[in-house]
N, C-alpha and C. Protein backbone atom coordinates (compact mmCIF):
# COMPACT_ATOMS: atom_id res chain seq x y z
N UNK A 1 -25.04 -31.61 55.31
CA UNK A 1 -23.78 -31.62 54.59
C UNK A 1 -24.00 -31.75 53.09
N UNK A 2 -24.93 -32.56 52.70
CA UNK A 2 -25.22 -32.77 51.28
C UNK A 2 -25.63 -31.47 50.60
N UNK A 3 -26.47 -30.65 51.25
CA UNK A 3 -26.90 -29.38 50.67
C UNK A 3 -25.72 -28.43 50.49
N UNK A 4 -24.83 -28.41 51.46
CA UNK A 4 -23.66 -27.54 51.37
C UNK A 4 -22.81 -27.89 50.16
N UNK A 5 -22.59 -29.17 49.92
CA UNK A 5 -21.81 -29.61 48.78
C UNK A 5 -22.52 -29.23 47.49
N UNK A 6 -23.82 -29.43 47.41
CA UNK A 6 -24.59 -29.08 46.22
C UNK A 6 -24.55 -27.59 45.96
N UNK A 7 -24.68 -26.79 47.02
CA UNK A 7 -24.64 -25.34 46.86
C UNK A 7 -23.26 -24.89 46.38
N UNK A 8 -22.22 -25.52 46.91
CA UNK A 8 -20.86 -25.18 46.49
C UNK A 8 -20.65 -25.56 45.03
N UNK A 9 -21.15 -26.71 44.63
CA UNK A 9 -21.04 -27.13 43.23
C UNK A 9 -21.78 -26.16 42.32
N UNK A 10 -22.96 -25.76 42.75
CA UNK A 10 -23.76 -24.83 41.97
C UNK A 10 -23.02 -23.50 41.82
N UNK A 11 -22.40 -23.04 42.89
CA UNK A 11 -21.63 -21.80 42.83
C UNK A 11 -20.45 -21.94 41.88
N UNK A 12 -19.75 -23.05 41.94
CA UNK A 12 -18.61 -23.29 41.05
C UNK A 12 -19.06 -23.32 39.59
N UNK A 13 -20.17 -23.98 39.31
CA UNK A 13 -20.69 -24.02 37.94
C UNK A 13 -21.07 -22.63 37.46
N UNK A 14 -21.70 -21.84 38.34
CA UNK A 14 -22.09 -20.48 37.96
C UNK A 14 -20.86 -19.63 37.67
N UNK A 15 -19.83 -19.75 38.49
CA UNK A 15 -18.60 -19.00 38.26
C UNK A 15 -17.91 -19.44 36.97
N UNK A 16 -17.93 -20.73 36.71
CA UNK A 16 -17.33 -21.24 35.46
C UNK A 16 -18.09 -20.69 34.25
N UNK A 17 -19.41 -20.68 34.34
CA UNK A 17 -20.22 -20.16 33.22
C UNK A 17 -19.95 -18.67 33.01
N UNK A 18 -19.87 -17.90 34.09
CA UNK A 18 -19.57 -16.47 33.97
C UNK A 18 -18.19 -16.23 33.38
N UNK A 19 -17.24 -17.07 33.75
CA UNK A 19 -15.89 -16.94 33.21
C UNK A 19 -15.88 -17.19 31.71
N UNK A 20 -16.59 -18.22 31.27
CA UNK A 20 -16.67 -18.51 29.84
C UNK A 20 -17.32 -17.37 29.07
N UNK A 21 -18.37 -16.81 29.61
CA UNK A 21 -19.04 -15.67 28.97
C UNK A 21 -18.08 -14.49 28.89
N UNK A 22 -17.34 -14.25 29.95
CA UNK A 22 -16.39 -13.14 29.96
C UNK A 22 -15.29 -13.35 28.92
N UNK A 23 -14.77 -14.58 28.81
CA UNK A 23 -13.75 -14.87 27.80
C UNK A 23 -14.29 -14.68 26.40
N UNK A 24 -15.52 -15.11 26.15
CA UNK A 24 -16.13 -14.94 24.82
C UNK A 24 -16.29 -13.46 24.51
N UNK A 25 -16.72 -12.68 25.49
CA UNK A 25 -16.89 -11.24 25.27
C UNK A 25 -15.55 -10.58 24.98
N UNK A 26 -14.50 -10.99 25.68
CA UNK A 26 -13.18 -10.44 25.44
C UNK A 26 -12.68 -10.80 24.05
N UNK A 27 -12.93 -12.03 23.63
CA UNK A 27 -12.49 -12.46 22.31
C UNK A 27 -13.17 -11.64 21.23
N UNK A 28 -14.44 -11.30 21.42
CA UNK A 28 -15.16 -10.53 20.42
C UNK A 28 -14.78 -9.06 20.46
N UNK A 29 -14.33 -8.56 21.61
CA UNK A 29 -14.01 -7.15 21.73
C UNK A 29 -12.51 -6.88 21.76
N UNK A 30 -11.71 -7.88 21.43
CA UNK A 30 -10.27 -7.80 21.55
C UNK A 30 -9.65 -6.70 20.70
N UNK A 31 -10.26 -6.37 19.65
CA UNK A 31 -9.76 -5.34 18.73
C UNK A 31 -10.56 -5.45 17.46
N UNK A 32 -10.40 -4.46 16.64
CA UNK A 32 -11.17 -4.46 15.40
C UNK A 32 -10.60 -5.52 14.46
N UNK A 33 -11.49 -6.28 13.87
CA UNK A 33 -11.11 -7.32 12.92
C UNK A 33 -11.62 -6.88 11.55
N UNK A 34 -10.75 -6.89 10.58
CA UNK A 34 -11.08 -6.40 9.25
C UNK A 34 -11.33 -7.55 8.29
N UNK A 35 -12.25 -7.35 7.36
CA UNK A 35 -12.61 -8.40 6.41
C UNK A 35 -11.69 -8.44 5.19
N UNK A 36 -10.88 -7.41 5.01
CA UNK A 36 -9.96 -7.42 3.87
C UNK A 36 -8.56 -7.01 4.29
N UNK A 37 -7.59 -7.48 3.53
CA UNK A 37 -6.20 -7.13 3.77
C UNK A 37 -6.01 -5.63 3.62
N UNK A 38 -6.68 -5.03 2.64
CA UNK A 38 -6.54 -3.60 2.41
C UNK A 38 -6.98 -2.79 3.62
N UNK A 39 -8.09 -3.17 4.23
CA UNK A 39 -8.57 -2.49 5.44
C UNK A 39 -7.58 -2.68 6.60
N UNK A 40 -7.10 -3.90 6.75
CA UNK A 40 -6.13 -4.22 7.80
C UNK A 40 -4.86 -3.41 7.60
N UNK A 41 -4.39 -3.37 6.36
CA UNK A 41 -3.17 -2.65 6.00
C UNK A 41 -3.30 -1.16 6.35
N UNK A 42 -4.41 -0.55 5.93
CA UNK A 42 -4.64 0.87 6.16
C UNK A 42 -4.75 1.18 7.65
N UNK A 43 -5.47 0.36 8.39
CA UNK A 43 -5.68 0.60 9.82
C UNK A 43 -4.40 0.44 10.63
N UNK A 44 -3.48 -0.40 10.16
CA UNK A 44 -2.25 -0.68 10.90
C UNK A 44 -1.02 0.01 10.32
N UNK A 45 -1.23 0.84 9.31
CA UNK A 45 -0.12 1.58 8.73
C UNK A 45 0.92 0.72 8.04
N UNK A 46 0.49 -0.38 7.46
CA UNK A 46 1.42 -1.29 6.77
C UNK A 46 1.66 -0.75 5.36
N UNK A 47 2.92 -0.62 4.99
CA UNK A 47 3.24 -0.05 3.68
C UNK A 47 3.72 -1.07 2.67
N UNK A 48 4.12 -2.26 3.12
CA UNK A 48 4.52 -3.31 2.18
C UNK A 48 4.02 -4.66 2.69
N UNK A 49 3.70 -5.52 1.75
CA UNK A 49 3.14 -6.83 2.08
C UNK A 49 4.24 -7.73 2.63
N UNK A 50 3.95 -8.37 3.73
CA UNK A 50 4.85 -9.30 4.39
C UNK A 50 4.02 -10.54 4.70
N UNK A 51 4.45 -11.70 4.24
CA UNK A 51 3.63 -12.91 4.41
C UNK A 51 3.41 -13.28 5.88
N UNK A 52 4.38 -13.02 6.72
CA UNK A 52 4.20 -13.32 8.15
C UNK A 52 3.10 -12.45 8.75
N UNK A 53 3.10 -11.17 8.41
CA UNK A 53 2.07 -10.26 8.89
C UNK A 53 0.70 -10.65 8.34
N UNK A 54 0.67 -11.01 7.06
CA UNK A 54 -0.59 -11.44 6.44
C UNK A 54 -1.11 -12.71 7.10
N UNK A 55 -0.21 -13.65 7.39
CA UNK A 55 -0.63 -14.90 8.05
C UNK A 55 -1.18 -14.63 9.44
N UNK A 56 -0.55 -13.72 10.16
CA UNK A 56 -1.05 -13.34 11.49
C UNK A 56 -2.44 -12.71 11.39
N UNK A 57 -2.64 -11.88 10.37
CA UNK A 57 -3.95 -11.25 10.17
C UNK A 57 -5.00 -12.30 9.84
N UNK A 58 -4.64 -13.27 9.02
CA UNK A 58 -5.57 -14.36 8.67
C UNK A 58 -5.93 -15.15 9.93
N UNK A 59 -4.94 -15.44 10.77
CA UNK A 59 -5.21 -16.14 12.04
C UNK A 59 -6.20 -15.37 12.90
N UNK A 60 -6.04 -14.04 12.94
CA UNK A 60 -6.95 -13.21 13.73
C UNK A 60 -8.37 -13.30 13.20
N UNK A 61 -8.52 -13.27 11.88
CA UNK A 61 -9.86 -13.34 11.28
C UNK A 61 -10.47 -14.72 11.53
N UNK A 62 -9.67 -15.78 11.43
CA UNK A 62 -10.17 -17.13 11.71
C UNK A 62 -10.62 -17.24 13.17
N UNK A 63 -9.80 -16.74 14.08
CA UNK A 63 -10.16 -16.77 15.50
C UNK A 63 -11.46 -16.01 15.76
N UNK A 64 -11.61 -14.88 15.07
CA UNK A 64 -12.82 -14.07 15.23
C UNK A 64 -14.04 -14.83 14.70
N UNK A 65 -13.88 -15.48 13.56
CA UNK A 65 -14.98 -16.27 12.99
C UNK A 65 -15.40 -17.38 13.94
N UNK A 66 -14.43 -18.05 14.54
CA UNK A 66 -14.72 -19.13 15.49
C UNK A 66 -15.43 -18.58 16.72
N UNK A 67 -14.96 -17.45 17.23
CA UNK A 67 -15.59 -16.84 18.40
C UNK A 67 -17.03 -16.43 18.10
N UNK A 68 -17.26 -15.88 16.91
CA UNK A 68 -18.62 -15.53 16.52
C UNK A 68 -19.51 -16.76 16.44
N UNK A 69 -18.98 -17.82 15.85
CA UNK A 69 -19.76 -19.06 15.73
C UNK A 69 -20.08 -19.62 17.10
N UNK A 70 -19.09 -19.64 17.98
CA UNK A 70 -19.31 -20.14 19.34
C UNK A 70 -20.33 -19.31 20.10
N UNK A 71 -20.41 -18.02 19.76
CA UNK A 71 -21.37 -17.12 20.40
C UNK A 71 -22.76 -17.20 19.76
N UNK A 72 -22.92 -18.08 18.76
CA UNK A 72 -24.21 -18.25 18.11
C UNK A 72 -24.47 -17.30 16.96
N UNK A 73 -23.45 -16.57 16.55
CA UNK A 73 -23.59 -15.61 15.44
C UNK A 73 -23.11 -16.27 14.15
N UNK A 74 -23.85 -17.27 13.67
CA UNK A 74 -23.38 -18.06 12.54
C UNK A 74 -23.29 -17.28 11.23
N UNK A 75 -24.21 -16.35 10.99
CA UNK A 75 -24.15 -15.57 9.74
C UNK A 75 -22.89 -14.69 9.70
N UNK A 76 -22.60 -14.01 10.79
CA UNK A 76 -21.40 -13.19 10.85
C UNK A 76 -20.15 -14.06 10.80
N UNK A 77 -20.19 -15.20 11.47
CA UNK A 77 -19.05 -16.13 11.45
C UNK A 77 -18.77 -16.57 10.02
N UNK A 78 -19.81 -16.86 9.26
CA UNK A 78 -19.66 -17.28 7.87
C UNK A 78 -19.01 -16.17 7.05
N UNK A 79 -19.43 -14.93 7.26
CA UNK A 79 -18.86 -13.80 6.51
C UNK A 79 -17.37 -13.65 6.81
N UNK A 80 -16.98 -13.79 8.06
CA UNK A 80 -15.56 -13.67 8.41
C UNK A 80 -14.77 -14.89 7.93
N UNK A 81 -15.40 -16.05 7.92
CA UNK A 81 -14.72 -17.24 7.40
C UNK A 81 -14.44 -17.06 5.91
N UNK A 82 -15.41 -16.53 5.18
CA UNK A 82 -15.19 -16.25 3.75
C UNK A 82 -14.11 -15.20 3.56
N UNK A 83 -14.06 -14.24 4.46
CA UNK A 83 -13.08 -13.15 4.36
C UNK A 83 -11.64 -13.67 4.45
N UNK A 84 -11.44 -14.78 5.16
CA UNK A 84 -10.08 -15.32 5.25
C UNK A 84 -9.55 -15.70 3.88
N UNK A 85 -10.45 -16.17 3.02
CA UNK A 85 -10.03 -16.53 1.66
C UNK A 85 -10.07 -15.31 0.73
N UNK A 86 -11.25 -14.73 0.55
CA UNK A 86 -11.44 -13.66 -0.42
C UNK A 86 -10.73 -12.37 -0.02
N UNK A 87 -10.68 -12.07 1.23
CA UNK A 87 -10.11 -10.79 1.66
C UNK A 87 -8.63 -10.83 1.99
N UNK A 88 -8.09 -12.03 2.22
CA UNK A 88 -6.68 -12.13 2.63
C UNK A 88 -5.89 -13.12 1.77
N UNK A 89 -6.26 -14.39 1.83
CA UNK A 89 -5.49 -15.45 1.18
C UNK A 89 -5.31 -15.17 -0.30
N UNK A 90 -6.39 -14.80 -0.96
CA UNK A 90 -6.32 -14.55 -2.40
C UNK A 90 -5.65 -13.22 -2.72
N UNK A 91 -5.98 -12.18 -1.99
CA UNK A 91 -5.49 -10.85 -2.33
C UNK A 91 -4.04 -10.58 -1.92
N UNK A 92 -3.50 -11.35 -0.98
CA UNK A 92 -2.11 -11.12 -0.55
C UNK A 92 -1.09 -11.91 -1.37
N UNK A 93 -1.57 -12.80 -2.24
CA UNK A 93 -0.66 -13.59 -3.06
C UNK A 93 -0.40 -14.98 -2.53
N UNK A 94 -0.96 -15.31 -1.36
CA UNK A 94 -0.78 -16.66 -0.83
C UNK A 94 -1.27 -17.71 -1.82
N UNK A 95 -2.43 -17.49 -2.39
CA UNK A 95 -3.02 -18.47 -3.31
C UNK A 95 -2.10 -18.70 -4.51
N UNK A 96 -1.62 -17.63 -5.11
CA UNK A 96 -0.74 -17.73 -6.28
C UNK A 96 0.53 -18.52 -5.94
N UNK A 97 1.10 -18.23 -4.78
CA UNK A 97 2.32 -18.94 -4.38
C UNK A 97 2.07 -20.43 -4.16
N UNK A 98 0.95 -20.76 -3.53
CA UNK A 98 0.63 -22.16 -3.28
C UNK A 98 0.38 -22.89 -4.61
N UNK A 99 -0.35 -22.26 -5.51
CA UNK A 99 -0.62 -22.90 -6.81
C UNK A 99 0.66 -23.09 -7.60
N UNK A 100 1.58 -22.12 -7.54
CA UNK A 100 2.87 -22.25 -8.21
C UNK A 100 3.66 -23.41 -7.62
N UNK A 101 3.67 -23.50 -6.31
CA UNK A 101 4.36 -24.59 -5.63
C UNK A 101 3.78 -25.94 -6.04
N UNK A 102 2.46 -26.04 -6.04
CA UNK A 102 1.82 -27.30 -6.41
C UNK A 102 2.10 -27.69 -7.86
N UNK A 103 2.11 -26.70 -8.75
CA UNK A 103 2.41 -26.97 -10.16
C UNK A 103 3.82 -27.52 -10.30
N UNK A 104 4.77 -26.91 -9.60
CA UNK A 104 6.16 -27.37 -9.66
C UNK A 104 6.30 -28.76 -9.03
N UNK A 105 5.57 -29.01 -7.96
CA UNK A 105 5.66 -30.31 -7.29
C UNK A 105 5.11 -31.43 -8.15
N UNK A 106 4.13 -31.12 -8.98
CA UNK A 106 3.51 -32.13 -9.84
C UNK A 106 4.34 -32.41 -11.10
N UNK A 107 5.27 -31.55 -11.41
CA UNK A 107 6.08 -31.71 -12.64
C UNK A 107 7.18 -32.73 -12.46
């Protein structure tokens, strides 16, 4: 009986590990992730900047960076993490709006 329980546990652990690998692979292959807002805009046919759309794009890039890091791809993860700031946050006007808000709040 003890061997049967151990074999069943081993099978469950193996299935859990395969499931995690499959989820990681899906996260990495979910769709193309762009490093800049301009690339994202062009690929998705966006003609005007919308902060909600830009925020969703930033979330996608952050999720991709985390998935890369979890998969052991730290150099690529770092590049996508930087892209959230340089390629999206700064270029879409989020940074300017936040700095304006902070300046007004400090006055």
